[in-house]
């Protein structure tokens, strides 16, 4: 999965389409992510719950499928598809297909023989 915790993404399908947020958690096994401010629901809790001792309704974000989000390109500030390429120094990097901008390094540089 190319999305990691802390990345800024935009939702491209569903009820929250067009909403941007920061990724809070990533579940690689199920392909799900939790994005700040997206897919908010109420969770009703009883009195004595550790998060809410007085009880009531808590706002919380639920997981959405990672395929419903796209990373934000740092240069164009728009959602973009991403790819993996080998840089000049031999390291693997994640790049934005819209602008070609480097997003992050994925692997260390390989030693040239």
N, C-alpha and C. Protein backbone atom coordinates (compact mmCIF):
# COMPACT_ATOMS: atom_id res chain seq x y z
N UNK A 1 0.85 -1.18 0.00
CA UNK A 1 0.00 0.00 0.00
C UNK A 1 0.89 1.24 0.00
N UNK A 2 0.55 2.20 -0.83
CA UNK A 2 1.40 3.38 -0.99
C UNK A 2 1.00 4.54 -0.08
N UNK A 3 -0.11 4.39 0.65
CA UNK A 3 -0.54 5.43 1.58
C UNK A 3 -0.05 5.07 2.97
N UNK A 4 0.50 6.06 3.67
CA UNK A 4 1.01 5.84 5.02
C UNK A 4 0.38 6.82 6.00
N UNK A 5 0.56 6.54 7.27
CA UNK A 5 0.07 7.42 8.33
C UNK A 5 0.73 8.79 8.19
N UNK A 6 -0.06 9.85 8.28
CA UNK A 6 0.46 11.21 8.17
C UNK A 6 0.32 11.82 6.78
N UNK A 7 0.02 11.01 5.76
CA UNK A 7 -0.15 11.54 4.41
C UNK A 7 -1.44 12.34 4.30
N UNK A 8 -1.46 13.30 3.39
CA UNK A 8 -2.68 14.05 3.11
C UNK A 8 -3.33 13.44 1.88
N UNK A 9 -4.61 13.09 2.02
CA UNK A 9 -5.34 12.45 0.93
C UNK A 9 -6.65 13.19 0.67
N UNK A 10 -7.21 12.93 -0.50
CA UNK A 10 -8.54 13.45 -0.84
C UNK A 10 -9.42 12.28 -1.20
N UNK A 11 -10.65 12.29 -0.67
CA UNK A 11 -11.60 11.23 -0.95
C UNK A 11 -12.17 11.46 -2.34
N UNK A 12 -12.16 10.42 -3.18
CA UNK A 12 -12.60 10.59 -4.57
C UNK A 12 -13.96 9.95 -4.86
N UNK A 13 -14.48 9.13 -3.93
CA UNK A 13 -15.81 8.54 -4.11
C UNK A 13 -16.52 8.48 -2.76
N UNK A 14 -17.83 8.33 -2.81
CA UNK A 14 -18.62 8.16 -1.60
C UNK A 14 -19.23 9.46 -1.10
N UNK A 15 -19.81 9.39 0.09
CA UNK A 15 -20.52 10.53 0.67
C UNK A 15 -19.59 11.70 0.97
N UNK A 16 -18.33 11.43 1.29
CA UNK A 16 -17.37 12.47 1.65
C UNK A 16 -16.49 12.86 0.47
N UNK A 17 -16.97 12.69 -0.75
CA UNK A 17 -16.18 13.00 -1.94
C UNK A 17 -15.72 14.45 -1.92
N UNK A 18 -14.42 14.66 -2.20
CA UNK A 18 -13.86 15.99 -2.22
C UNK A 18 -13.28 16.44 -0.90
N UNK A 19 -13.44 15.66 0.14
CA UNK A 19 -12.93 16.01 1.47
C UNK A 19 -11.46 15.62 1.59
N UNK A 20 -10.66 16.54 2.13
CA UNK A 20 -9.25 16.27 2.36
C UNK A 20 -9.01 16.06 3.84
N UNK A 21 -8.04 15.22 4.14
CA UNK A 21 -7.71 14.98 5.53
C UNK A 21 -6.39 14.24 5.65
N UNK A 22 -5.94 14.13 6.88
CA UNK A 22 -4.70 13.43 7.18
C UNK A 22 -5.02 12.00 7.56
N UNK A 23 -4.21 11.07 7.11
CA UNK A 23 -4.40 9.66 7.43
C UNK A 23 -3.99 9.43 8.88
N UNK A 24 -4.90 8.87 9.68
CA UNK A 24 -4.64 8.62 11.09
C UNK A 24 -4.10 7.22 11.32
N UNK A 25 -4.71 6.22 10.68
CA UNK A 25 -4.24 4.84 10.80
C UNK A 25 -4.36 4.14 9.45
N UNK A 26 -3.55 3.10 9.28
CA UNK A 26 -3.55 2.30 8.06
C UNK A 26 -3.65 0.83 8.44
N UNK A 27 -4.59 0.11 7.83
CA UNK A 27 -4.73 -1.33 8.01
C UNK A 27 -4.34 -2.00 6.70
N UNK A 28 -3.10 -2.45 6.60
CA UNK A 28 -2.56 -2.99 5.35
C UNK A 28 -3.24 -4.30 4.98
N UNK A 29 -3.55 -5.14 5.98
CA UNK A 29 -4.13 -6.45 5.70
C UNK A 29 -5.50 -6.34 5.03
N UNK A 30 -6.32 -5.38 5.45
CA UNK A 30 -7.67 -5.23 4.90
C UNK A 30 -7.76 -4.13 3.85
N UNK A 31 -6.68 -3.36 3.65
CA UNK A 31 -6.71 -2.29 2.66
C UNK A 31 -7.58 -1.11 3.08
N UNK A 32 -7.63 -0.83 4.37
CA UNK A 32 -8.47 0.26 4.89
C UNK A 32 -7.61 1.33 5.54
N UNK A 33 -8.12 2.56 5.52
CA UNK A 33 -7.46 3.67 6.20
C UNK A 33 -8.50 4.49 6.95
N UNK A 34 -8.05 5.18 7.99
CA UNK A 34 -8.90 6.10 8.74
C UNK A 34 -8.37 7.49 8.45
N UNK A 35 -9.25 8.36 7.91
CA UNK A 35 -8.88 9.72 7.53
C UNK A 35 -9.58 10.68 8.47
N UNK A 36 -8.84 11.68 8.92
CA UNK A 36 -9.37 12.68 9.85
C UNK A 36 -10.55 13.43 9.22
N UNK A 37 -11.70 13.40 9.90
CA UNK A 37 -12.88 14.13 9.45
C UNK A 37 -13.69 13.45 8.37
N UNK A 38 -13.38 12.20 8.03
CA UNK A 38 -14.09 11.49 6.97
C UNK A 38 -14.80 10.27 7.57
N UNK A 39 -16.04 10.02 7.12
CA UNK A 39 -16.86 8.89 7.56
C UNK A 39 -17.08 8.95 9.07
N UNK A 40 -17.54 10.12 9.53
CA UNK A 40 -17.79 10.33 10.95
C UNK A 40 -19.13 9.71 11.34
N UNK A 41 -19.14 9.05 12.48
CA UNK A 41 -20.36 8.45 13.01
C UNK A 41 -20.44 8.76 14.50
N UNK A 42 -21.64 8.54 15.05
CA UNK A 42 -21.82 8.65 16.49
C UNK A 42 -21.68 7.27 17.10
N UNK A 43 -20.97 7.20 18.21
CA UNK A 43 -20.87 5.96 18.98
C UNK A 43 -21.52 6.25 20.32
N UNK A 44 -22.59 5.53 20.63
CA UNK A 44 -23.29 5.72 21.89
C UNK A 44 -22.60 4.90 22.97
N UNK A 45 -22.20 5.57 24.04
CA UNK A 45 -21.48 4.88 25.12
C UNK A 45 -22.23 5.03 26.43
N UNK A 46 -22.12 4.00 27.26
CA UNK A 46 -22.76 4.02 28.57
C UNK A 46 -21.92 4.79 29.57
N UNK A 47 -22.51 5.10 30.68
CA UNK A 47 -21.77 5.74 31.77
C UNK A 47 -20.68 4.82 32.26
N UNK A 48 -19.55 5.40 32.65
CA UNK A 48 -18.45 4.62 33.19
C UNK A 48 -17.47 4.16 32.13
N UNK A 49 -17.70 4.54 30.89
CA UNK A 49 -16.76 4.19 29.82
C UNK A 49 -15.49 5.02 29.99
N UNK A 50 -14.30 4.43 29.78
CA UNK A 50 -13.06 5.19 30.02
C UNK A 50 -12.94 6.47 29.19
N UNK A 51 -13.44 6.47 27.95
CA UNK A 51 -13.34 7.68 27.13
C UNK A 51 -14.36 8.73 27.50
N UNK A 52 -15.49 8.31 28.03
CA UNK A 52 -16.55 9.25 28.37
C UNK A 52 -17.24 8.79 29.65
N UNK A 53 -16.74 9.19 30.83
CA UNK A 53 -17.31 8.70 32.09
C UNK A 53 -18.78 9.08 32.28
N UNK A 54 -19.22 10.21 31.71
CA UNK A 54 -20.61 10.61 31.89
C UNK A 54 -21.54 9.96 30.87
N UNK A 55 -20.97 9.26 29.87
CA UNK A 55 -21.80 8.63 28.85
C UNK A 55 -22.18 9.62 27.77
N UNK A 56 -22.96 9.17 26.81
CA UNK A 56 -23.44 10.04 25.75
C UNK A 56 -23.00 9.55 24.38
N UNK A 57 -22.89 10.52 23.44
CA UNK A 57 -22.53 10.18 22.07
C UNK A 57 -21.14 10.71 21.75
N UNK A 58 -20.28 9.86 21.23
CA UNK A 58 -18.94 10.25 20.83
C UNK A 58 -18.86 10.30 19.31
N UNK A 59 -18.20 11.32 18.78
CA UNK A 59 -17.88 11.36 17.35
C UNK A 59 -16.66 10.52 17.11
N UNK A 60 -16.68 9.69 16.08
CA UNK A 60 -15.49 8.94 15.73
C UNK A 60 -15.47 8.69 14.23
N UNK A 61 -14.27 8.53 13.68
CA UNK A 61 -14.11 8.24 12.27
C UNK A 61 -13.97 6.74 12.09
N UNK A 62 -14.65 6.21 11.09
CA UNK A 62 -14.51 4.80 10.76
C UNK A 62 -13.60 4.65 9.56
N UNK A 63 -13.13 3.44 9.35
CA UNK A 63 -12.21 3.17 8.24
C UNK A 63 -12.95 3.20 6.91
N UNK A 64 -12.24 3.64 5.86
CA UNK A 64 -12.75 3.58 4.50
C UNK A 64 -11.72 2.82 3.66
N UNK A 65 -12.14 2.38 2.50
CA UNK A 65 -11.23 1.64 1.64
C UNK A 65 -10.17 2.58 1.08
N UNK A 66 -8.95 2.10 1.03
CA UNK A 66 -7.84 2.94 0.57
C UNK A 66 -7.97 3.29 -0.91
N UNK A 67 -8.70 2.49 -1.68
CA UNK A 67 -8.85 2.78 -3.10
C UNK A 67 -9.79 3.96 -3.35
N UNK A 68 -10.49 4.41 -2.32
CA UNK A 68 -11.39 5.55 -2.46
C UNK A 68 -10.68 6.87 -2.20
N UNK A 69 -9.37 6.86 -2.02
CA UNK A 69 -8.59 8.06 -1.73
C UNK A 69 -7.42 8.17 -2.69
N UNK A 70 -6.97 9.40 -2.91
CA UNK A 70 -5.76 9.65 -3.68
C UNK A 70 -4.87 10.59 -2.90
N UNK A 71 -3.55 10.37 -3.02
CA UNK A 71 -2.59 11.25 -2.37
C UNK A 71 -2.61 12.62 -3.03
N UNK A 72 -2.24 13.65 -2.27
CA UNK A 72 -2.18 15.01 -2.78
C UNK A 72 -0.77 15.30 -3.27
N UNK A 73 -0.65 15.80 -4.51
CA UNK A 73 0.66 16.15 -5.08
C UNK A 73 1.16 17.42 -4.40
N UNK A 74 2.41 17.45 -3.92
CA UNK A 74 2.91 18.63 -3.23
C UNK A 74 3.10 19.84 -4.15
N UNK A 75 3.32 19.62 -5.43
CA UNK A 75 3.54 20.74 -6.35
C UNK A 75 2.24 21.36 -6.83
N UNK A 76 1.28 20.53 -7.26
CA UNK A 76 0.05 21.05 -7.84
C UNK A 76 -1.08 21.18 -6.83
N UNK A 77 -0.92 20.56 -5.65
CA UNK A 77 -1.94 20.57 -4.60
C UNK A 77 -3.25 19.95 -5.09
N UNK A 78 -3.15 18.95 -5.96
CA UNK A 78 -4.31 18.24 -6.48
C UNK A 78 -4.11 16.75 -6.27
N UNK A 79 -5.22 15.98 -6.25
CA UNK A 79 -5.07 14.53 -6.10
C UNK A 79 -4.38 13.93 -7.31
N UNK A 80 -3.55 12.92 -7.08
CA UNK A 80 -2.78 12.33 -8.15
C UNK A 80 -2.61 10.83 -7.94
N UNK A 81 -2.42 10.12 -9.04
CA UNK A 81 -2.01 8.73 -8.95
C UNK A 81 -0.53 8.71 -8.62
N UNK A 82 -0.06 7.62 -8.08
CA UNK A 82 1.34 7.54 -7.70
C UNK A 82 1.99 6.32 -8.34
N UNK A 83 3.31 6.40 -8.49
CA UNK A 83 4.06 5.31 -9.07
C UNK A 83 5.39 5.16 -8.34
N UNK A 84 6.09 4.09 -8.67
CA UNK A 84 7.39 3.82 -8.09
C UNK A 84 8.42 3.84 -9.21
N UNK A 85 9.54 4.49 -8.95
CA UNK A 85 10.61 4.54 -9.94
C UNK A 85 11.95 4.48 -9.23
N UNK A 86 12.97 4.21 -10.03
CA UNK A 86 14.34 4.17 -9.52
C UNK A 86 14.98 5.53 -9.79
N UNK A 87 15.51 6.17 -8.75
CA UNK A 87 16.14 7.48 -8.88
C UNK A 87 17.54 7.32 -9.46
N UNK A 88 18.18 8.46 -9.73
CA UNK A 88 19.52 8.45 -10.31
C UNK A 88 20.55 7.77 -9.39
N UNK A 89 20.36 7.92 -8.08
CA UNK A 89 21.32 7.33 -7.14
C UNK A 89 21.04 5.85 -6.87
N UNK A 90 20.02 5.29 -7.52
CA UNK A 90 19.72 3.87 -7.37
C UNK A 90 18.70 3.56 -6.30
N UNK A 91 18.14 4.57 -5.65
CA UNK A 91 17.14 4.33 -4.61
C UNK A 91 15.74 4.30 -5.24
N UNK A 92 14.85 3.58 -4.56
CA UNK A 92 13.45 3.53 -5.00
C UNK A 92 12.73 4.74 -4.41
N UNK A 93 11.84 5.35 -5.20
CA UNK A 93 11.09 6.49 -4.69
C UNK A 93 9.66 6.45 -5.20
N UNK A 94 8.77 7.04 -4.41
CA UNK A 94 7.37 7.19 -4.77
C UNK A 94 7.21 8.55 -5.40
N UNK A 95 6.53 8.61 -6.57
CA UNK A 95 6.40 9.89 -7.25
C UNK A 95 4.96 10.11 -7.70
N UNK A 96 4.61 11.38 -7.90
CA UNK A 96 3.29 11.77 -8.36
C UNK A 96 3.26 11.70 -9.89
N UNK A 97 2.30 10.97 -10.43
CA UNK A 97 2.23 10.82 -11.88
C UNK A 97 1.75 12.11 -12.55
N UNK A 98 1.04 12.96 -11.83
CA UNK A 98 0.54 14.20 -12.41
C UNK A 98 1.67 15.17 -12.74
N UNK A 99 2.61 15.33 -11.82
CA UNK A 99 3.67 16.32 -12.00
C UNK A 99 5.06 15.72 -12.05
N UNK A 100 5.21 14.47 -11.66
CA UNK A 100 6.52 13.85 -11.60
C UNK A 100 7.28 14.17 -10.33
N UNK A 101 6.65 14.84 -9.38
CA UNK A 101 7.32 15.24 -8.14
C UNK A 101 7.55 14.03 -7.24
N UNK A 102 8.68 14.04 -6.55
CA UNK A 102 9.02 12.98 -5.61
C UNK A 102 8.22 13.15 -4.33
N UNK A 103 7.57 12.08 -3.87
CA UNK A 103 6.80 12.13 -2.64
C UNK A 103 7.60 11.63 -1.44
N UNK A 104 8.25 10.47 -1.61
CA UNK A 104 9.08 9.93 -0.51
C UNK A 104 9.99 8.86 -1.05
N UNK A 105 11.04 8.59 -0.28
CA UNK A 105 11.97 7.52 -0.64
C UNK A 105 11.46 6.22 -0.05
N UNK A 106 11.46 5.15 -0.88
CA UNK A 106 10.95 3.86 -0.43
C UNK A 106 12.07 2.90 -0.02
N UNK A 107 13.21 3.00 -0.68
CA UNK A 107 14.29 2.07 -0.39
C UNK A 107 15.62 2.77 -0.45
N UNK A 108 16.64 2.15 0.15
CA UNK A 108 17.96 2.78 0.16
C UNK A 108 18.61 2.70 -1.22
N UNK A 109 19.62 3.51 -1.40
CA UNK A 109 20.35 3.53 -2.67
C UNK A 109 21.15 2.25 -2.81
N UNK A 110 21.17 1.71 -4.02
CA UNK A 110 21.93 0.49 -4.29
C UNK A 110 23.36 0.88 -4.65
N UNK A 111 24.29 0.10 -4.21
CA UNK A 111 25.70 0.38 -4.50
C UNK A 111 25.99 0.06 -5.96
N UNK A 112 26.66 1.00 -6.62
CA UNK A 112 27.04 0.82 -8.01
C UNK A 112 28.30 -0.06 -8.09
N UNK A 113 28.30 -1.02 -9.00
CA UNK A 113 29.46 -1.92 -9.11
C UNK A 113 30.53 -1.33 -10.00
